[in-house]
Protein backbone atom coordinates (compact mmCIF):
# COMPACT_ATOMS: atom_id res chain seq x y z
CA UNK A 1 3.54 19.59 -24.97
CA UNK A 2 5.91 20.18 -22.06
CA UNK A 3 4.55 23.65 -21.32
CA UNK A 4 0.97 22.36 -21.52
CA UNK A 5 1.70 19.58 -19.04
CA UNK A 6 3.59 21.92 -16.70
CA UNK A 7 0.60 24.29 -16.71
CA UNK A 8 -1.72 21.38 -15.97
CA UNK A 9 0.39 20.29 -13.00
CA UNK A 10 0.29 23.83 -11.64
CA UNK A 11 -3.47 24.13 -12.11
CA UNK A 12 -4.40 20.64 -10.91
CA UNK A 13 -3.45 20.99 -7.27
CA UNK A 14 -4.12 17.52 -5.84
CA UNK A 15 -6.54 16.49 -8.62
CA UNK A 16 -4.88 13.38 -10.06
CA UNK A 17 -7.74 12.86 -12.53
CA UNK A 18 -6.98 16.27 -14.05
CA UNK A 19 -3.37 15.21 -14.66
CA UNK A 20 -4.41 11.82 -16.07
CA UNK A 21 -6.78 13.55 -18.48
CA UNK A 22 -4.08 16.03 -19.54
CA UNK A 23 -1.69 13.16 -20.24
CA UNK A 24 -4.52 11.45 -22.12
CA UNK A 25 -4.99 14.54 -24.29
CA UNK A 26 -1.31 14.46 -25.23
CA UNK A 27 -1.45 10.70 -25.80
CA UNK A 28 -4.42 11.01 -28.17
CA UNK A 29 -2.63 13.72 -30.12
CA UNK A 30 0.42 11.49 -30.46
CA UNK A 31 -1.58 8.37 -31.37
CA UNK A 32 -2.97 5.94 -28.85
CA UNK A 33 -2.15 2.85 -30.94
CA UNK A 34 1.52 3.74 -31.09
CA UNK A 35 1.50 4.59 -27.38
CA UNK A 36 -0.06 1.22 -26.58
CA UNK A 37 2.70 -0.47 -28.59
CA UNK A 38 5.45 1.59 -26.93
CA UNK A 39 4.17 0.98 -23.40
CA UNK A 40 3.07 -2.63 -23.80
CA UNK A 41 -0.36 -1.67 -22.47
CA UNK A 42 -3.71 -2.22 -24.18
CA UNK A 43 -5.13 0.69 -26.18
CA UNK A 44 -8.52 0.40 -24.49
CA UNK A 45 -6.87 0.28 -21.07
CA UNK A 46 -4.96 3.46 -21.88
CA UNK A 47 -8.11 5.24 -23.04
CA UNK A 48 -9.84 4.30 -19.78
CA UNK A 49 -6.88 5.09 -17.50
CA UNK A 50 -6.22 8.48 -19.13
CA UNK A 51 -9.84 9.58 -19.50
CA UNK A 52 -10.07 11.59 -16.32
CA UNK A 53 -12.52 9.02 -14.95
CA UNK A 54 -9.88 6.31 -14.66
CA UNK A 55 -7.46 5.83 -11.81
CA UNK A 56 -4.16 4.89 -13.45
CA UNK A 57 -1.37 3.42 -11.40
CA UNK A 58 1.87 5.30 -11.04
CA UNK A 59 3.49 2.55 -13.12
CA UNK A 60 1.09 3.30 -15.98
CA UNK A 61 1.71 7.04 -15.76
CA UNK A 62 5.48 6.50 -15.76
CA UNK A 63 5.31 4.20 -18.79
CA UNK A 64 3.18 6.71 -20.69
CA UNK A 65 5.40 9.66 -19.73
CA UNK A 66 8.48 7.75 -20.90
CA UNK A 67 6.81 6.65 -24.16
CA UNK A 68 5.92 10.28 -24.85
CA UNK A 69 9.59 11.17 -24.55
CA UNK A 70 9.15 13.02 -21.27
CA UNK A 71 10.68 12.73 -17.80
CA UNK A 72 8.93 13.36 -14.51
CA UNK A 73 10.92 15.53 -12.09
CA UNK A 74 10.44 16.39 -8.43
CA UNK A 75 11.48 19.64 -6.83
CA UNK A 76 10.98 21.24 -3.45
CA UNK A 77 7.79 23.24 -3.07
CA UNK A 78 8.36 26.97 -2.84
CA UNK A 79 6.65 27.44 0.53
């Protein structure tokens, strides 16, 4: 799961919808009902936000990442 998401971040560039969809893929594999319970968000709202067509807030992404047992890290770009 971690390697998949890391690869998606590398491939996505500035395409936030690509990242949301990748997180949605992981969420579906883990179980959207349990994720909805763990995040306090509605299941339908999660499906929409993480579909690739949605535009989830950073707060939603952070809640989902945490519920999946992941942490989001920032590092300097290697320019």
